[in-house]
């Protein structure tokens, strides 16, 4: 029974490690580039608004 418990624990830890690795990789390759693109668009939009307002000063 001791071998089974040890094997079960090692298998569970390996599965959790693989799952965490998959989630981290997905976040790094899919979600982070989308967030960076959105941030770039927001920065450009804010700059365009500032430029537009300053060009209409009397």
Protein backbone atom coordinates (compact mmCIF):
# COMPACT_ATOMS: atom_id res chain seq x y z
CA UNK A 1 0.00 0.00 0.00
CA UNK A 2 2.93 2.34 0.67
CA UNK A 3 4.11 2.06 -2.96
CA UNK A 4 0.64 2.95 -4.22
CA UNK A 5 0.42 6.05 -2.03
CA UNK A 6 3.87 7.23 -3.10
CA UNK A 7 3.06 6.63 -6.78
CA UNK A 8 -0.28 8.37 -6.48
CA UNK A 9 1.34 11.41 -4.85
CA UNK A 10 4.07 11.61 -7.49
CA UNK A 11 1.52 11.24 -10.28
CA UNK A 12 -0.69 13.94 -8.82
CA UNK A 13 2.23 16.34 -8.47
CA UNK A 14 3.38 15.63 -12.02
CA UNK A 15 -0.12 16.24 -13.36
CA UNK A 16 -0.46 19.51 -11.46
CA UNK A 17 2.96 20.61 -12.69
CA UNK A 18 2.08 19.84 -16.29
CA UNK A 19 -1.23 21.69 -15.95
CA UNK A 20 0.45 24.75 -14.44
CA UNK A 21 3.07 24.71 -17.18
CA UNK A 22 0.36 24.59 -19.84
CA UNK A 23 -1.54 27.49 -18.32
CA UNK A 24 1.63 29.58 -18.03
CA UNK A 25 2.61 28.85 -21.64
CA UNK A 26 -0.90 29.69 -22.90
CA UNK A 27 -0.86 32.99 -21.03
CA UNK A 28 2.59 33.88 -22.34
CA UNK A 29 1.89 33.00 -26.00
CA UNK A 30 -1.77 34.01 -26.41
CA UNK A 31 -2.98 36.43 -23.76
CA UNK A 32 0.12 38.58 -23.20
CA UNK A 33 0.52 39.62 -26.88
CA UNK A 34 -3.16 40.59 -27.00
CA UNK A 35 -2.76 42.73 -23.86
CA UNK A 36 0.38 44.38 -25.28
CA UNK A 37 -1.45 45.20 -28.53
CA UNK A 38 -4.36 46.70 -26.62
CA UNK A 39 -1.96 48.78 -24.52
CA UNK A 40 -0.26 50.06 -27.68
CA UNK A 41 -3.63 51.05 -29.17
CA UNK A 42 -4.60 52.86 -25.96
CA UNK A 43 -1.30 54.75 -25.92
CA UNK A 44 -1.72 55.78 -29.56
CA UNK A 45 -5.32 56.83 -28.96
CA UNK A 46 -4.34 58.98 -25.97
CA UNK A 47 -1.57 60.62 -27.97
CA UNK A 48 -3.96 61.33 -30.84
CA UNK A 49 -6.49 62.92 -28.48
CA UNK A 50 -3.79 65.13 -26.93
CA UNK A 51 -2.52 66.13 -30.36
CA UNK A 52 -6.03 66.88 -31.60
CA UNK A 53 -6.88 69.04 -28.60
CA UNK A 54 -3.64 70.98 -28.71
CA UNK A 55 -4.02 71.74 -32.41
CA UNK A 56 -7.37 73.47 -31.78
CA UNK A 57 -6.14 75.92 -29.16
CA UNK A 58 -6.96 79.56 -29.89
